[in-house]
Amino acid sequence: MGEITVSAQDMDRLLRDPASAYGAPYQRAYAELAETHRGRPADEIVPLLRAAAEAALLGFTGADLLEQAQAISSGAPYELRVRVTG
């Protein structure tokens, strides 16, 4: 289970928000990878998650990305704890 800290003004980079001007929220990219890459090796998924995180300007660690990739690969649910600051 991963954890990330995001400022309140940057939540739209993480979550799908139709009103946001930001084009690629991480939640959407993760959901698309979960649909298309289930059963694929985690090391194949990690670079795709890293690219999505970088595009959304989110600072996931390598361990976070591996954990997410393993969840996608196995089809297991993944819970991300988000701490919102000011």
C-alpha atoms as a PDB file:
ATOM      1  CA  MET A   1       0.000   0.000   0.000  1.00  0.00           C
ATOM      2  CA  GLY A   2       1.621   3.233  -1.133  1.00  0.00           C
ATOM      3  CA  GLU A   3       1.477   6.691   0.305  1.00  0.00           C
ATOM      4  CA  ILE A   4       2.023  10.046  -1.328  1.00  0.00           C
ATOM      5  CA  THR A   5       1.743  13.642  -0.129  1.00  0.00           C
ATOM      6  CA  VAL A   6       0.129  16.086  -2.528  1.00  0.00           C
ATOM      7  CA  SER A   7      -0.762  19.728  -2.028  1.00  0.00           C
ATOM      8  CA  ALA A   8      -4.460  20.539  -2.223  1.00  0.00           C
ATOM      9  CA  GLN A   9      -3.911  22.629  -5.341  1.00  0.00           C
ATOM     10  CA  ASP A  10      -2.271  19.681  -7.115  1.00  0.00           C
ATOM     11  CA  MET A  11      -4.895  16.997  -6.460  1.00  0.00           C
ATOM     12  CA  ASP A  12      -6.028  17.179 -10.096  1.00  0.00           C
ATOM     13  CA  ARG A  13      -2.672  15.703 -11.146  1.00  0.00           C
ATOM     14  CA  LEU A  14      -3.562  12.594  -9.192  1.00  0.00           C
ATOM     15  CA  LEU A  15      -7.310  12.207  -9.559  1.00  0.00           C
ATOM     16  CA  ARG A  16      -9.611  12.276 -12.523  1.00  0.00           C
ATOM     17  CA  ASP A  17     -11.229  15.705 -12.509  1.00  0.00           C
ATOM     18  CA  PRO A  18     -13.237  16.647 -15.603  1.00  0.00           C
ATOM     19  CA  ALA A  19     -13.131  20.318 -14.585  1.00  0.00           C
ATOM     20  CA  SER A  20      -9.345  20.335 -14.420  1.00  0.00           C
ATOM     21  CA  ALA A  21      -7.223  21.935 -17.077  1.00  0.00           C
ATOM     22  CA  TYR A  22      -4.521  19.356 -16.398  1.00  0.00           C
ATOM     23  CA  GLY A  23      -4.531  16.784 -19.170  1.00  0.00           C
ATOM     24  CA  ALA A  24      -3.232  13.496 -17.752  1.00  0.00           C
ATOM     25  CA  PRO A  25      -4.223  12.635 -14.186  1.00  0.00           C
ATOM     26  CA  TYR A  26      -2.387   9.644 -12.782  1.00  0.00           C
ATOM     27  CA  GLN A  27      -5.604   7.877 -11.790  1.00  0.00           C
ATOM     28  CA  ARG A  28      -6.667   7.619 -15.433  1.00  0.00           C
ATOM     29  CA  ALA A  29      -3.261   6.329 -16.560  1.00  0.00           C
ATOM     30  CA  TYR A  30      -3.230   3.747 -13.754  1.00  0.00           C
ATOM     31  CA  ALA A  31      -6.747   2.549 -14.622  1.00  0.00           C
ATOM     32  CA  GLU A  32      -5.833   2.184 -18.299  1.00  0.00           C
ATOM     33  CA  LEU A  33      -2.719   0.165 -17.437  1.00  0.00           C
ATOM     34  CA  ALA A  34      -4.748  -2.005 -15.061  1.00  0.00           C
ATOM     35  CA  GLU A  35      -7.105  -2.828 -17.939  1.00  0.00           C
ATOM     36  CA  THR A  36      -4.457  -3.464 -20.568  1.00  0.00           C
ATOM     37  CA  HIS A  37      -1.553  -4.987 -18.631  1.00  0.00           C
ATOM     38  CA  ARG A  38      -3.095  -7.461 -16.214  1.00  0.00           C
ATOM     39  CA  GLY A  39      -1.012 -10.626 -16.241  1.00  0.00           C
ATOM     40  CA  ARG A  40       2.033  -8.904 -17.743  1.00  0.00           C
ATOM     41  CA  PRO A  41       5.330  -8.914 -15.802  1.00  0.00           C
ATOM     42  CA  ALA A  42       5.651  -6.147 -13.217  1.00  0.00           C
ATOM     43  CA  ASP A  43       9.038  -5.026 -14.626  1.00  0.00           C
ATOM     44  CA  GLU A  44       7.290  -4.332 -17.927  1.00  0.00           C
ATOM     45  CA  ILE A  45       4.684  -2.163 -16.163  1.00  0.00           C
ATOM     46  CA  VAL A  46       7.014  -0.130 -13.922  1.00  0.00           C
ATOM     47  CA  PRO A  47       8.435   2.077 -16.725  1.00  0.00           C
ATOM     48  CA  LEU A  48       4.906   2.838 -17.923  1.00  0.00           C
ATOM     49  CA  LEU A  49       3.829   3.824 -14.428  1.00  0.00           C
ATOM     50  CA  ARG A  50       7.005   5.893 -14.022  1.00  0.00           C
ATOM     51  CA  ALA A  51       6.231   7.774 -17.237  1.00  0.00           C
ATOM     52  CA  ALA A  52       2.648   8.401 -16.089  1.00  0.00           C
ATOM     53  CA  ALA A  53       3.849   9.619 -12.681  1.00  0.00           C
ATOM     54  CA  GLU A  54       6.412  11.915 -14.290  1.00  0.00           C
ATOM     55  CA  ALA A  55       3.792  13.284 -16.690  1.00  0.00           C
ATOM     56  CA  ALA A  56       1.544  14.027 -13.716  1.00  0.00           C
ATOM     57  CA  LEU A  57       4.495  15.490 -11.786  1.00  0.00           C
ATOM     58  CA  LEU A  58       4.036  13.010  -8.939  1.00  0.00           C
ATOM     59  CA  GLY A  59       6.967  11.767  -6.896  1.00  0.00           C
ATOM     60  CA  PHE A  60       6.419   8.052  -6.443  1.00  0.00           C
ATOM     61  CA  THR A  61       9.442   6.052  -5.292  1.00  0.00           C
ATOM     62  CA  GLY A  62      10.688   3.058  -7.240  1.00  0.00           C
ATOM     63  CA  ALA A  63       9.260   0.816  -4.506  1.00  0.00           C
ATOM     64  CA  ASP A  64       5.857   2.528  -4.842  1.00  0.00           C
ATOM     65  CA  LEU A  65       5.847   1.966  -8.586  1.00  0.00           C
ATOM     66  CA  LEU A  66       6.895  -1.667  -8.232  1.00  0.00           C
ATOM     67  CA  GLU A  67       4.127  -2.258  -5.697  1.00  0.00           C
ATOM     68  CA  GLN A  68       1.577  -0.698  -8.057  1.00  0.00           C
ATOM     69  CA  ALA A  69       2.925  -2.713 -10.990  1.00  0.00           C
ATOM     70  CA  GLN A  70       2.629  -5.941  -9.007  1.00  0.00           C
ATOM     71  CA  ALA A  71      -0.995  -5.107  -8.199  1.00  0.00           C
ATOM     72  CA  ILE A  72      -1.742  -4.454 -11.868  1.00  0.00           C
ATOM     73  CA  SER A  73       0.031  -7.635 -12.923  1.00  0.00           C
ATOM     74  CA  SER A  74      -1.861  -9.809 -10.466  1.00  0.00           C
ATOM     75  CA  GLY A  75      -5.186  -7.999 -10.741  1.00  0.00           C
ATOM     76  CA  ALA A  76      -5.132  -7.305  -7.002  1.00  0.00           C
ATOM     77  CA  PRO A  77      -6.700  -4.130  -5.628  1.00  0.00           C
ATOM     78  CA  TYR A  78      -4.235  -1.383  -4.804  1.00  0.00           C
ATOM     79  CA  GLU A  79      -4.823   1.199  -2.114  1.00  0.00           C
ATOM     80  CA  LEU A  80      -2.959   4.481  -2.307  1.00  0.00           C
ATOM     81  CA  ARG A  81      -3.054   6.667   0.788  1.00  0.00           C
ATOM     82  CA  VAL A  82      -2.993  10.330  -0.163  1.00  0.00           C
ATOM     83  CA  ARG A  83      -2.044  12.961   2.390  1.00  0.00           C
ATOM     84  CA  VAL A  84      -3.167  16.424   1.294  1.00  0.00           C
ATOM     85  CA  THR A  85      -1.308  19.447   2.568  1.00  0.00           C
ATOM     86  CA  GLY A  86      -2.392  23.082   2.694  1.00  0.00           C
END
